Amino acid sequence: MEEKIRKFYVIQLIVSALVVLSLAGCGKEKPAAQQEVVVYTSLDKVFSQPVLEEFERKTGIKVKAVYDSEATKTTGLVNRLIAEKANPRADVFWNSETGRTIVLKQKGLLAPHKSPSAVGP
């Protein structure tokens, strides 16, 4: 079960990063080995780092993970995203807190993404 969850996260991260990179035109300019995706994550490093490393291994795209302190977690990263609104630095925001994600949506800081793996009948 744990392996299935990890694979799901890797697939979602790959899809998200590829969408971000293709929208930015990175896929046309640089080979995967020279690309980088910045991931702001509130998940504990012990859980997220293996997923991010597997993403790097499968895609060749370097991941720069940005973690916040244990005390502030999602709140700190959300505040950082809000502060960086005019000059975003994160490509992917990976968290598990719905409330703060809604705040980002209300402030117009999220871009919609339709995952090809989520398309159903």
PDB file of N, CA and C in Angstrom:
ATOM      1  N   MET A   1       0.825  -1.198   0.000  1.00  0.00           N
ATOM      2  CA  MET A   1       0.000   0.000   0.000  1.00  0.00           C
ATOM      3  C   MET A   1       0.867   1.258   0.000  1.00  0.00           C
ATOM      4  N   GLU A   2       1.893   1.292   0.848  1.00  0.00           N
ATOM      5  CA  GLU A   2       2.761   2.450   0.942  1.00  0.00           C
ATOM      6  C   GLU A   2       3.460   2.714  -0.399  1.00  0.00           C
ATOM      7  N   GLU A   3       3.858   1.670  -1.090  1.00  0.00           N
ATOM      8  CA  GLU A   3       4.507   1.804  -2.391  1.00  0.00           C
ATOM      9  C   GLU A   3       3.541   2.393  -3.425  1.00  0.00           C
ATOM     10  N   LYS A   4       2.274   2.009  -3.374  1.00  0.00           N
ATOM     11  CA  LYS A   4       1.271   2.551  -4.301  1.00  0.00           C
ATOM     12  C   LYS A   4       1.088   4.046  -4.077  1.00  0.00           C
ATOM     13  N   ILE A   5       1.064   4.453  -2.834  1.00  0.00           N
ATOM     14  CA  ILE A   5       0.910   5.872  -2.503  1.00  0.00           C
ATOM     15  C   ILE A   5       2.111   6.650  -3.010  1.00  0.00           C
ATOM     16  N   ARG A   6       3.301   6.120  -2.804  1.00  0.00           N
ATOM     17  CA  ARG A   6       4.516   6.789  -3.258  1.00  0.00           C
ATOM     18  C   ARG A   6       4.519   6.924  -4.779  1.00  0.00           C
ATOM     19  N   LYS A   7       4.126   5.859  -5.475  1.00  0.00           N
ATOM     20  CA  LYS A   7       4.063   5.914  -6.933  1.00  0.00           C
ATOM     21  C   LYS A   7       3.054   6.958  -7.394  1.00  0.00           C
ATOM     22  N   PHE A   8       1.926   7.045  -6.703  1.00  0.00           N
ATOM     23  CA  PHE A   8       0.917   8.045  -7.043  1.00  0.00           C
ATOM     24  C   PHE A   8       1.508   9.446  -6.923  1.00  0.00           C
ATOM     25  N   TYR A   9       2.203   9.722  -5.827  1.00  0.00           N
ATOM     26  CA  TYR A   9       2.813  11.040  -5.637  1.00  0.00           C
ATOM     27  C   TYR A   9       3.844  11.329  -6.716  1.00  0.00           C
ATOM     28  N   VAL A  10       4.642  10.346  -7.070  1.00  0.00           N
ATOM     29  CA  VAL A  10       5.653  10.547  -8.103  1.00  0.00           C
ATOM     30  C   VAL A  10       4.982  10.873  -9.427  1.00  0.00           C
ATOM     31  N   ILE A  11       3.950  10.124  -9.785  1.00  0.00           N
ATOM     32  CA  ILE A  11       3.249  10.369 -11.045  1.00  0.00           C
ATOM     33  C   ILE A  11       2.649  11.767 -11.056  1.00  0.00           C
ATOM     34  N   GLN A  12       1.996  12.149  -9.979  1.00  0.00           N
ATOM     35  CA  GLN A  12       1.389  13.477  -9.910  1.00  0.00           C
ATOM     36  C   GLN A  12       2.454  14.569  -9.976  1.00  0.00           C
ATOM     37  N   LEU A  13       3.569  14.369  -9.318  1.00  0.00           N
ATOM     38  CA  LEU A  13       4.636  15.355  -9.345  1.00  0.00           C
ATOM     39  C   LEU A  13       5.238  15.458 -10.743  1.00  0.00           C
ATOM     40  N   ILE A  14       5.434  14.335 -11.401  1.00  0.00           N
ATOM     41  CA  ILE A  14       5.960  14.341 -12.765  1.00  0.00           C
ATOM     42  C   ILE A  14       5.024  15.100 -13.686  1.00  0.00           C
ATOM     43  N   VAL A  15       3.752  14.783 -13.617  1.00  0.00           N
ATOM     44  CA  VAL A  15       2.773  15.449 -14.482  1.00  0.00           C
ATOM     45  C   VAL A  15       2.752  16.947 -14.193  1.00  0.00           C
ATOM     46  N   SER A  16       2.715  17.311 -12.925  1.00  0.00           N
ATOM     47  CA  SER A  16       2.686  18.734 -12.565  1.00  0.00           C
ATOM     48  C   SER A  16       3.929  19.462 -13.062  1.00  0.00           C
ATOM     49  N   ALA A  17       5.075  18.864 -12.845  1.00  0.00           N
ATOM     50  CA  ALA A  17       6.324  19.500 -13.261  1.00  0.00           C
ATOM     51  C   ALA A  17       6.401  19.624 -14.773  1.00  0.00           C
ATOM     52  N   LEU A  18       5.982  18.604 -15.489  1.00  0.00           N
ATOM     53  CA  LEU A  18       6.020  18.664 -16.944  1.00  0.00           C
ATOM     54  C   LEU A  18       5.077  19.729 -17.482  1.00  0.00           C
ATOM     55  N   VAL A  19       3.934  19.874 -16.859  1.00  0.00           N
ATOM     56  CA  VAL A  19       3.006  20.926 -17.268  1.00  0.00           C
ATOM     57  C   VAL A  19       3.644  22.293 -17.029  1.00  0.00           C
ATOM     58  N   VAL A  20       4.205  22.479 -15.857  1.00  0.00           N
ATOM     59  CA  VAL A  20       4.843  23.756 -15.540  1.00  0.00           C
ATOM     60  C   VAL A  20       5.978  24.036 -16.509  1.00  0.00           C
ATOM     61  N   LEU A  21       6.807  23.047 -16.756  1.00  0.00           N
ATOM     62  CA  LEU A  21       7.946  23.236 -17.650  1.00  0.00           C
ATOM     63  C   LEU A  21       7.505  23.489 -19.083  1.00  0.00           C
ATOM     64  N   SER A  22       6.459  22.807 -19.530  1.00  0.00           N
ATOM     65  CA  SER A  22       6.005  23.022 -20.900  1.00  0.00           C
ATOM     66  C   SER A  22       5.360  24.387 -21.045  1.00  0.00           C
ATOM     67  N   LEU A  23       4.620  24.839 -20.028  1.00  0.00           N
ATOM     68  CA  LEU A  23       4.017  26.168 -20.088  1.00  0.00           C
ATOM     69  C   LEU A  23       5.088  27.246 -20.114  1.00  0.00           C
ATOM     70  N   ALA A  24       6.170  26.995 -19.416  1.00  0.00           N
ATOM     71  CA  ALA A  24       7.256  27.973 -19.374  1.00  0.00           C
ATOM     72  C   ALA A  24       8.160  27.878 -20.601  1.00  0.00           C
ATOM     73  N   GLY A  25       7.934  26.867 -21.429  1.00  0.00           N
ATOM     74  CA  GLY A  25       8.756  26.694 -22.614  1.00  0.00           C
ATOM     75  C   GLY A  25      10.070  26.007 -22.321  1.00  0.00           C
ATOM     76  N   CYS A  26      10.249  25.530 -21.108  1.00  0.00           N
ATOM     77  CA  CYS A  26      11.527  24.909 -20.733  1.00  0.00           C
ATOM     78  C   CYS A  26      11.791  23.641 -21.513  1.00  0.00           C
ATOM     79  N   GLY A  27      10.756  22.915 -21.836  1.00  0.00           N
ATOM     80  CA  GLY A  27      10.930  21.659 -22.543  1.00  0.00           C
ATOM     81  C   GLY A  27      11.570  21.846 -23.897  1.00  0.00           C
ATOM     82  N   LYS A  28      11.428  23.024 -24.506  1.00  0.00           N
ATOM     83  CA  LYS A  28      11.988  23.286 -25.822  1.00  0.00           C
ATOM     84  C   LYS A  28      13.403  23.838 -25.737  1.00  0.00           C
ATOM     85  N   GLU A  29      13.725  24.469 -24.634  1.00  0.00           N
ATOM     86  CA  GLU A  29      14.994  25.167 -24.524  1.00  0.00           C
ATOM     87  C   GLU A  29      16.130  24.316 -23.968  1.00  0.00           C
ATOM     88  N   LYS A  30      15.828  23.436 -23.033  1.00  0.00           N
ATOM     89  CA  LYS A  30      16.875  22.707 -22.344  1.00  0.00           C
ATOM     90  C   LYS A  30      16.546  21.220 -22.289  1.00  0.00           C
ATOM     91  N   PRO A  31      17.573  20.368 -22.378  1.00  0.00           N
ATOM     92  CA  PRO A  31      17.321  18.938 -22.140  1.00  0.00           C
ATOM     93  C   PRO A  31      16.975  18.723 -20.668  1.00  0.00           C
ATOM     94  N   ALA A  32      16.326  17.612 -20.371  1.00  0.00           N
ATOM     95  CA  ALA A  32      15.867  17.335 -18.993  1.00  0.00           C
ATOM     96  C   ALA A  32      16.987  17.479 -17.978  1.00  0.00           C
ATOM     97  N   ALA A  33      18.187  17.054 -18.321  1.00  0.00           N
ATOM     98  CA  ALA A  33      19.299  17.094 -17.373  1.00  0.00           C
ATOM     99  C   ALA A  33      19.653  18.520 -16.954  1.00  0.00           C
ATOM    100  N   GLN A  34      19.252  19.515 -17.740  1.00  0.00           N
ATOM    101  CA  GLN A  34      19.560  20.904 -17.405  1.00  0.00           C
ATOM    102  C   GLN A  34      18.346  21.637 -16.842  1.00  0.00           C
ATOM    103  N   GLN A  35      17.211  20.961 -16.750  1.00  0.00           N
ATOM    104  CA  GLN A  35      16.005  21.594 -16.226  1.00  0.00           C
ATOM    105  C   GLN A  35      15.948  21.452 -14.710  1.00  0.00           C
ATOM    106  N   GLU A  36      15.223  22.367 -14.094  1.00  0.00           N
ATOM    107  CA  GLU A  36      15.048  22.327 -12.652  1.00  0.00           C
ATOM    108  C   GLU A  36      13.613  22.718 -12.322  1.00  0.00           C
ATOM    109  N   VAL A  37      13.047  22.044 -11.361  1.00  0.00           N
ATOM    110  CA  VAL A  37      11.717  22.389 -10.878  1.00  0.00           C
ATOM    111  C   VAL A  37      11.848  22.695  -9.385  1.00  0.00           C
ATOM    112  N   VAL A  38      11.231  23.806  -8.975  1.00  0.00           N
ATOM    113  CA  VAL A  38      11.265  24.219  -7.575  1.00  0.00           C
ATOM    114  C   VAL A  38       9.962  23.770  -6.925  1.00  0.00           C
ATOM    115  N   VAL A  39      10.097  22.952  -5.898  1.00  0.00           N
ATOM    116  CA  VAL A  39       8.934  22.405  -5.205  1.00  0.00           C
ATOM    117  C   VAL A  39       8.908  22.931  -3.780  1.00  0.00           C
ATOM    118  N   TYR A  40       7.860  23.667  -3.447  1.00  0.00           N
ATOM    119  CA  TYR A  40       7.618  24.073  -2.068  1.00  0.00           C
ATOM    120  C   TYR A  40       6.763  22.962  -1.467  1.00  0.00           C
ATOM    121  N   THR A  41       7.255  22.323  -0.427  1.00  0.00           N
ATOM    122  CA  THR A  41       6.496  21.235   0.170  1.00  0.00           C
ATOM    123  C   THR A  41       6.437  21.344   1.682  1.00  0.00           C
ATOM    124  N   SER A  42       5.245  21.120   2.199  1.00  0.00           N
ATOM    125  CA  SER A  42       5.064  21.131   3.649  1.00  0.00           C
ATOM    126  C   SER A  42       5.112  19.719   4.217  1.00  0.00           C
ATOM    127  N   LEU A  43       5.276  18.736   3.356  1.00  0.00           N
ATOM    128  CA  LEU A  43       5.390  17.359   3.835  1.00  0.00           C
ATOM    129  C   LEU A  43       6.746  17.167   4.483  1.00  0.00           C
ATOM    130  N   ASP A  44       6.802  16.334   5.491  1.00  0.00           N
ATOM    131  CA  ASP A  44       8.069  16.067   6.157  1.00  0.00           C
ATOM    132  C   ASP A  44       9.090  15.549   5.150  1.00  0.00           C
ATOM    133  N   LYS A  45      10.311  16.012   5.299  1.00  0.00           N
ATOM    134  CA  LYS A  45      11.387  15.640   4.386  1.00  0.00           C
ATOM    135  C   LYS A  45      11.560  14.124   4.306  1.00  0.00           C
ATOM    136  N   VAL A  46      11.402  13.440   5.422  1.00  0.00           N
ATOM    137  CA  VAL A  46      11.579  11.995   5.452  1.00  0.00           C
ATOM    138  C   VAL A  46      10.595  11.291   4.500  1.00  0.00           C
ATOM    139  N   PHE A  47       9.430  11.895   4.270  1.00  0.00           N
ATOM    140  CA  PHE A  47       8.439  11.308   3.368  1.00  0.00           C
ATOM    141  C   PHE A  47       8.551  11.851   1.948  1.00  0.00           C
ATOM    142  N   SER A  48       8.825  13.132   1.812  1.00  0.00           N
ATOM    143  CA  SER A  48       8.832  13.738   0.480  1.00  0.00           C
ATOM    144  C   SER A  48      10.132  13.531  -0.278  1.00  0.00           C
ATOM    145  N   GLN A  49      11.251  13.484   0.404  1.00  0.00           N
ATOM    146  CA  GLN A  49      12.532  13.372  -0.281  1.00  0.00           C
ATOM    147  C   GLN A  49      12.640  12.112  -1.153  1.00  0.00           C
ATOM    148  N   PRO A  50      12.209  10.930  -0.694  1.00  0.00           N
ATOM    149  CA  PRO A  50      12.289   9.763  -1.576  1.00  0.00           C
ATOM    150  C   PRO A  50      11.440   9.919  -2.841  1.00  0.00           C
ATOM    151  N   VAL A  51      10.306  10.559  -2.730  1.00  0.00           N
ATOM    152  CA  VAL A  51       9.446  10.784  -3.891  1.00  0.00           C
ATOM    153  C   VAL A  51      10.119  11.743  -4.866  1.00  0.00           C
ATOM    154  N   LEU A  52      10.689  12.817  -4.335  1.00  0.00           N
ATOM    155  CA  LEU A  52      11.364  13.790  -5.189  1.00  0.00           C
ATOM    156  C   LEU A  52      12.599  13.187  -5.862  1.00  0.00           C
ATOM    157  N   GLU A  53      13.324  12.361  -5.126  1.00  0.00           N
ATOM    158  CA  GLU A  53      14.498  11.695  -5.705  1.00  0.00           C
ATOM    159  C   GLU A  53      14.088  10.732  -6.815  1.00  0.00           C
ATOM    160  N   GLU A  54      12.988  10.040  -6.630  1.00  0.00           N
ATOM    161  CA  GLU A  54      12.502   9.130  -7.671  1.00  0.00           C
ATOM    162  C   GLU A  54      12.058   9.917  -8.902  1.00  0.00           C
ATOM    163  N   PHE A  55      11.439  11.069  -8.694  1.00  0.00           N
ATOM    164  CA  PHE A  55      11.071  11.948  -9.805  1.00  0.00           C
ATOM    165  C   PHE A  55      12.317  12.343 -10.589  1.00  0.00           C
ATOM    166  N   GLU A  56      13.367  12.753  -9.890  1.00  0.00           N
ATOM    167  CA  GLU A  56      14.620  13.122 -10.558  1.00  0.00           C
ATOM    168  C   GLU A  56      15.173  11.956 -11.367  1.00  0.00           C
ATOM    169  N   ARG A  57      15.155  10.783 -10.757  1.00  0.00           N
ATOM    170  CA  ARG A  57      15.694   9.598 -11.419  1.00  0.00           C
ATOM    171  C   ARG A  57      14.903   9.260 -12.680  1.00  0.00           C
ATOM    172  N   LYS A  58      13.584   9.356 -12.617  1.00  0.00           N
ATOM    173  CA  LYS A  58      12.733   8.978 -13.750  1.00  0.00           C
ATOM    174  C   LYS A  58      12.725  10.009 -14.867  1.00  0.00           C
ATOM    175  N   THR A  59      12.915  11.291 -14.529  1.00  0.00           N
ATOM    176  CA  THR A  59      12.794  12.341 -15.546  1.00  0.00           C
ATOM    177  C   THR A  59      14.108  12.998 -15.925  1.00  0.00           C
ATOM    178  N   GLY A  60      15.086  12.926 -15.047  1.00  0.00           N
ATOM    179  CA  GLY A  60      16.334  13.647 -15.276  1.00  0.00           C
ATOM    180  C   GLY A  60      16.238  15.121 -14.930  1.00  0.00           C
ATOM    181  N   ILE A  61      15.081  15.543 -14.433  1.00  0.00           N
ATOM    182  CA  ILE A  61      14.863  16.937 -14.054  1.00  0.00           C
ATOM    183  C   ILE A  61      15.268  17.123 -12.594  1.00  0.00           C
ATOM    184  N   LYS A  62      16.129  18.094 -12.341  1.00  0.00           N
ATOM    185  CA  LYS A  62      16.598  18.372 -10.982  1.00  0.00           C
ATOM    186  C   LYS A  62      15.476  19.002 -10.165  1.00  0.00           C
ATOM    187  N   VAL A  63      15.331  18.552  -8.936  1.00  0.00           N
ATOM    188  CA  VAL A  63      14.330  19.101  -8.026  1.00  0.00           C
ATOM    189  C   VAL A  63      15.017  19.913  -6.940  1.00  0.00           C
ATOM    190  N   LYS A  64      14.583  21.149  -6.801  1.00  0.00           N
ATOM    191  CA  LYS A  64      15.040  21.973  -5.690  1.00  0.00           C
ATOM    192  C   LYS A  64      13.872  22.037  -4.712  1.00  0.00           C
ATOM    193  N   ALA A  65      13.973  21.295  -3.634  1.00  0.00           N
ATOM    194  CA  ALA A  65      12.899  21.251  -2.635  1.00  0.00           C
ATOM    195  C   ALA A  65      13.093  22.365  -1.619  1.00  0.00           C
ATOM    196  N   VAL A  66      12.003  23.041  -1.308  1.00  0.00           N
ATOM    197  CA  VAL A  66      12.011  24.089  -0.295  1.00  0.00           C
ATOM    198  C   VAL A  66      11.054  23.655   0.800  1.00  0.00           C
ATOM    199  N   TYR A  67      11.599  23.474   1.990  1.00  0.00           N
ATOM    200  CA  TYR A  67      10.821  23.052   3.152  1.00  0.00           C
ATOM    201  C   TYR A  67      10.690  24.227   4.106  1.00  0.00           C
ATOM    202  N   ASP A  68       9.673  24.208   4.918  1.00  0.00           N
ATOM    203  CA  ASP A  68       9.538  25.217   5.952  1.00  0.00           C
ATOM    204  C   ASP A  68       9.804  24.552   7.293  1.00  0.00           C
ATOM    205  N   SER A  69       9.867  25.341   8.322  1.00  0.00           N
ATOM    206  CA  SER A  69      10.141  24.781   9.641  1.00  0.00           C
ATOM    207  C   SER A  69       8.954  23.944  10.122  1.00  0.00           C
ATOM    208  N   GLU A  70       9.224  23.073  11.040  1.00  0.00           N
ATOM    209  CA  GLU A  70       8.183  22.205  11.600  1.00  0.00           C
ATOM    210  C   GLU A  70       7.069  23.029  12.242  1.00  0.00           C
ATOM    211  N   ALA A  71       7.422  24.145  12.821  1.00  0.00           N
ATOM    212  CA  ALA A  71       6.436  24.969  13.528  1.00  0.00           C
ATOM    213  C   ALA A  71       5.449  25.655  12.588  1.00  0.00           C
ATOM    214  N   THR A  72       5.925  26.060  11.398  1.00  0.00           N
ATOM    215  CA  THR A  72       5.036  26.817  10.514  1.00  0.00           C
ATOM    216  C   THR A  72       4.504  26.004   9.338  1.00  0.00           C
ATOM    217  N   LYS A  73       5.234  25.004   8.887  1.00  0.00           N
ATOM    218  CA  LYS A  73       4.817  24.107   7.801  1.00  0.00           C
ATOM    219  C   LYS A  73       4.067  24.826   6.684  1.00  0.00           C
ATOM    220  N   THR A  74       2.820  24.430   6.451  1.00  0.00           N
ATOM    221  CA  THR A  74       2.045  24.953   5.335  1.00  0.00           C
ATOM    222  C   THR A  74       1.843  26.459   5.441  1.00  0.00           C
ATOM    223  N   THR A  75       1.574  26.968   6.629  1.00  0.00           N
ATOM    224  CA  THR A  75       1.318  28.395   6.798  1.00  0.00           C
ATOM    225  C   THR A  75       2.508  29.224   6.324  1.00  0.00           C
ATOM    226  N   GLY A  76       3.691  28.831   6.688  1.00  0.00           N
ATOM    227  CA  GLY A  76       4.888  29.565   6.268  1.00  0.00           C
ATOM    228  C   GLY A  76       5.070  29.562   4.764  1.00  0.00           C
ATOM    229  N   LEU A  77       4.845  28.409   4.137  1.00  0.00           N
ATOM    230  CA  LEU A  77       4.994  28.323   2.684  1.00  0.00           C
ATOM    231  C   LEU A  77       3.896  29.103   1.967  1.00  0.00           C
ATOM    232  N   VAL A  78       2.679  29.071   2.490  1.00  0.00           N
ATOM    233  CA  VAL A  78       1.583  29.845   1.896  1.00  0.00           C
ATOM    234  C   VAL A  78       1.906  31.333   1.986  1.00  0.00           C
ATOM    235  N   ASN A  79       2.388  31.781   3.125  1.00  0.00           N
ATOM    236  CA  ASN A  79       2.766  33.186   3.266  1.00  0.00           C
ATOM    237  C   ASN A  79       3.886  33.560   2.295  1.00  0.00           C
ATOM    238  N   ARG A  80       4.799  32.648   2.094  1.00  0.00           N
ATOM    239  CA  ARG A  80       5.897  32.890   1.150  1.00  0.00           C
ATOM    240  C   ARG A  80       5.359  32.993  -0.282  1.00  0.00           C
ATOM    241  N   LEU A  81       4.440  32.106  -0.646  1.00  0.00           N
ATOM    242  CA  LEU A  81       3.838  32.154  -1.981  1.00  0.00           C
ATOM    243  C   LEU A  81       3.084  33.474  -2.189  1.00  0.00           C
ATOM    244  N   ILE A  82       2.379  33.916  -1.171  1.00  0.00           N
ATOM    245  CA  ILE A  82       1.653  35.185  -1.263  1.00  0.00           C
ATOM    246  C   ILE A  82       2.645  36.345  -1.433  1.00  0.00           C
ATOM    247  N   ALA A  83       3.713  36.324  -0.674  1.00  0.00           N
ATOM    248  CA  ALA A  83       4.727  37.381  -0.759  1.00  0.00           C
ATOM    249  C   ALA A  83       5.426  37.389  -2.120  1.00  0.00           C
ATOM    250  N   GLU A  84       5.532  36.237  -2.741  1.00  0.00           N
ATOM    251  CA  GLU A  84       6.224  36.114  -4.034  1.00  0.00           C
ATOM    252  C   GLU A  84       5.277  36.246  -5.224  1.00  0.00           C
ATOM    253  N   LYS A  85       4.039  36.662  -4.978  1.00  0.00           N
ATOM    254  CA  LYS A  85       3.028  36.708  -6.039  1.00  0.00           C
ATOM    255  C   LYS A  85       3.529  37.419  -7.304  1.00  0.00           C
ATOM    256  N   ALA A  86       4.186  38.535  -7.154  1.00  0.00           N
ATOM    257  CA  ALA A  86       4.655  39.298  -8.310  1.00  0.00           C
ATOM    258  C   ALA A  86       5.867  38.654  -8.983  1.00  0.00           C
ATOM    259  N   ASN A  87       6.569  37.815  -8.254  1.00  0.00           N
ATOM    260  CA  ASN A  87       7.768  37.162  -8.792  1.00  0.00           C
ATOM    261  C   ASN A  87       7.837  35.732  -8.258  1.00  0.00           C
ATOM    262  N   PRO A  88       6.956  34.847  -8.736  1.00  0.00           N
ATOM    263  CA  PRO A  88       6.896  33.484  -8.194  1.00  0.00           C
ATOM    264  C   PRO A  88       8.205  32.724  -8.391  1.00  0.00           C
ATOM    265  N   ARG A  89       8.563  31.972  -7.366  1.00  0.00           N
ATOM    266  CA  ARG A  89       9.777  31.157  -7.429  1.00  0.00           C
ATOM    267  C   ARG A  89       9.461  29.667  -7.433  1.00  0.00           C
ATOM    268  N   ALA A  90       8.274  29.308  -6.953  1.00  0.00           N
ATOM    269  CA  ALA A  90       7.884  27.892  -6.888  1.00  0.00           C
ATOM    270  C   ALA A  90       7.196  27.470  -8.181  1.00  0.00           C
ATOM    271  N   ASP A  91       7.523  26.263  -8.627  1.00  0.00           N
ATOM    272  CA  ASP A  91       6.831  25.676  -9.771  1.00  0.00           C
ATOM    273  C   ASP A  91       5.690  24.792  -9.296  1.00  0.00           C
ATOM    274  N   VAL A  92       5.907  24.122  -8.166  1.00  0.00           N
ATOM    275  CA  VAL A  92       4.925  23.190  -7.623  1.00  0.00           C
ATOM    276  C   VAL A  92       4.797  23.439  -6.124  1.00  0.00           C
ATOM    277  N   PHE A  93       3.562  23.461  -5.643  1.00  0.00           N
ATOM    278  CA  PHE A  93       3.306  23.555  -4.205  1.00  0.00           C
ATOM    279  C   PHE A  93       2.670  22.245  -3.787  1.00  0.00           C
ATOM    280  N   TRP A  94       3.363  21.493  -2.954  1.00  0.00           N
ATOM    281  CA  TRP A  94       2.918  20.159  -2.537  1.00  0.00           C
ATOM    282  C   TRP A  94       2.613  20.209  -1.053  1.00  0.00           C
ATOM    283  N   ASN A  95       1.339  20.126  -0.724  1.00  0.00           N
ATOM    284  CA  ASN A  95       0.936  20.147   0.669  1.00  0.00           C
ATOM    285  C   ASN A  95      -0.300  19.287   0.840  1.00  0.00           C
ATOM    286  N   SER A  96      -0.752  19.155   2.050  1.00  0.00           N
ATOM    287  CA  SER A  96      -1.929  18.328   2.308  1.00  0.00           C
ATOM    288  C   SER A  96      -2.998  19.084   3.105  1.00  0.00           C
ATOM    289  N   GLU A  97      -2.878  20.405   3.140  1.00  0.00           N
ATOM    290  CA  GLU A  97      -3.822  21.192   3.922  1.00  0.00           C
ATOM    291  C   GLU A  97      -4.772  21.941   2.990  1.00  0.00           C
ATOM    292  N   THR A  98      -6.018  21.562   3.023  1.00  0.00           N
ATOM    293  CA  THR A  98      -7.021  22.139   2.136  1.00  0.00           C
ATOM    294  C   THR A  98      -7.271  23.621   2.425  1.00  0.00           C
ATOM    295  N   GLY A  99      -7.377  23.985   3.686  1.00  0.00           N
ATOM    296  CA  GLY A  99      -7.720  25.362   4.053  1.00  0.00           C
ATOM    297  C   GLY A  99      -6.777  26.393   3.465  1.00  0.00           C
ATOM    298  N   ARG A 100      -5.491  26.177   3.618  1.00  0.00           N
ATOM    299  CA  ARG A 100      -4.506  27.140   3.103  1.00  0.00           C
ATOM    300  C   ARG A 100      -4.472  27.132   1.572  1.00  0.00           C
ATOM    301  N   THR A 101      -4.755  25.991   0.976  1.00  0.00           N
ATOM    302  CA  THR A 101      -4.808  25.907  -0.482  1.00  0.00           C
ATOM    303  C   THR A 101      -5.966  26.746  -1.017  1.00  0.00           C
ATOM    304  N   ILE A 102      -7.075  26.741  -0.305  1.00  0.00           N
ATOM    305  CA  ILE A 102      -8.223  27.566  -0.687  1.00  0.00           C
ATOM    306  C   ILE A 102      -7.855  29.044  -0.618  1.00  0.00           C
ATOM    307  N   VAL A 103      -7.083  29.426   0.385  1.00  0.00           N
ATOM    308  CA  VAL A 103      -6.620  30.820   0.496  1.00  0.00           C
ATOM    309  C   VAL A 103      -5.820  31.195  -0.752  1.00  0.00           C
ATOM    310  N   LEU A 104      -4.935  30.309  -1.193  1.00  0.00           N
ATOM    311  CA  LEU A 104      -4.140  30.584  -2.396  1.00  0.00           C
ATOM    312  C   LEU A 104      -5.043  30.739  -3.622  1.00  0.00           C
ATOM    313  N   LYS A 105      -6.062  29.909  -3.705  1.00  0.00           N
ATOM    314  CA  LYS A 105      -7.002  30.005  -4.830  1.00  0.00           C
ATOM    315  C   LYS A 105      -7.729  31.344  -4.786  1.00  0.00           C
ATOM    316  N   GLN A 106      -8.194  31.726  -3.622  1.00  0.00           N
ATOM    317  CA  GLN A 106      -8.919  32.993  -3.476  1.00  0.00           C
ATOM    318  C   GLN A 106      -8.052  34.192  -3.848  1.00  0.00           C
ATOM    319  N   LYS A 107      -6.766  34.078  -3.643  1.00  0.00           N
ATOM    320  CA  LYS A 107      -5.846  35.170  -3.967  1.00  0.00           C
ATOM    321  C   LYS A 107      -5.344  35.084  -5.409  1.00  0.00           C
ATOM    322  N   GLY A 108      -5.854  34.108  -6.169  1.00  0.00           N
ATOM    323  CA  GLY A 108      -5.485  33.981  -7.574  1.00  0.00           C
ATOM    324  C   GLY A 108      -4.081  33.468  -7.804  1.00  0.00           C
ATOM    325  N   LEU A 109      -3.571  32.675  -6.871  1.00  0.00           N
ATOM    326  CA  LEU A 109      -2.193  32.198  -6.964  1.00  0.00           C
ATOM    327  C   LEU A 109      -2.060  30.777  -7.494  1.00  0.00           C
ATOM    328  N   LEU A 110      -3.154  30.132  -7.822  1.00  0.00           N
ATOM    329  CA  LEU A 110      -3.092  28.761  -8.316  1.00  0.00           C
ATOM    330  C   LEU A 110      -3.483  28.707  -9.792  1.00  0.00           C
ATOM    331  N   ALA A 111      -2.860  27.816 -10.506  1.00  0.00           N
ATOM    332  CA  ALA A 111      -3.213  27.583 -11.903  1.00  0.00           C
ATOM    333  C   ALA A 111      -3.892  26.239 -12.008  1.00  0.00           C
ATOM    334  N   PRO A 112      -4.976  26.145 -12.775  1.00  0.00           N
ATOM    335  CA  PRO A 112      -5.651  24.851 -12.911  1.00  0.00           C
ATOM    336  C   PRO A 112      -4.786  23.850 -13.665  1.00  0.00           C
ATOM    337  N   HIS A 113      -4.938  22.607 -13.312  1.00  0.00           N
ATOM    338  CA  HIS A 113      -4.220  21.528 -14.006  1.00  0.00           C
ATOM    339  C   HIS A 113      -5.133  20.307 -14.075  1.00  0.00           C
ATOM    340  N   LYS A 114      -5.326  19.799 -15.273  1.00  0.00           N
ATOM    341  CA  LYS A 114      -6.117  18.584 -15.455  1.00  0.00           C
ATOM    342  C   LYS A 114      -5.147  17.455 -15.762  1.00  0.00           C
ATOM    343  N   SER A 115      -4.997  16.566 -14.813  1.00  0.00           N
ATOM    344  CA  SER A 115      -4.079  15.458 -14.966  1.00  0.00           C
ATOM    345  C   SER A 115      -4.628  14.453 -15.969  1.00  0.00           C
ATOM    346  N   PRO A 116      -3.813  14.048 -16.932  1.00  0.00           N
ATOM    347  CA  PRO A 116      -4.265  13.032 -17.889  1.00  0.00           C
ATOM    348  C   PRO A 116      -4.608  11.715 -17.201  1.00  0.00           C
ATOM    349  N   SER A 117      -3.966  11.440 -16.076  1.00  0.00           N
ATOM    350  CA  SER A 117      -4.250  10.189 -15.370  1.00  0.00           C
ATOM    351  C   SER A 117      -5.573  10.245 -14.616  1.00  0.00           C
ATOM    352  N   ALA A 118      -6.141  11.451 -14.461  1.00  0.00           N
ATOM    353  CA  ALA A 118      -7.400  11.589 -13.743  1.00  0.00           C
ATOM    354  C   ALA A 118      -8.602  11.647 -14.670  1.00  0.00           C
ATOM    355  N   VAL A 119      -8.363  11.638 -15.976  1.00  0.00           N
ATOM    356  CA  VAL A 119      -9.458  11.704 -16.936  1.00  0.00           C
ATOM    357  C   VAL A 119     -10.217  10.394 -16.904  1.00  0.00           C
ATOM    358  N   GLY A 120     -11.512  10.496 -16.749  1.00  0.00           N
ATOM    359  CA  GLY A 120     -12.345   9.303 -16.689  1.00  0.00           C
ATOM    360  C   GLY A 120     -13.505   9.400 -17.641  1.00  0.00           C
ATOM    361  N   PRO A 121     -14.349   8.380 -17.594  1.00  0.00           N
ATOM    362  CA  PRO A 121     -15.504   8.368 -18.497  1.00  0.00           C
ATOM    363  C   PRO A 121     -16.524   9.442 -18.178  1.00  0.00           C
TER     364      PRO A 121
END
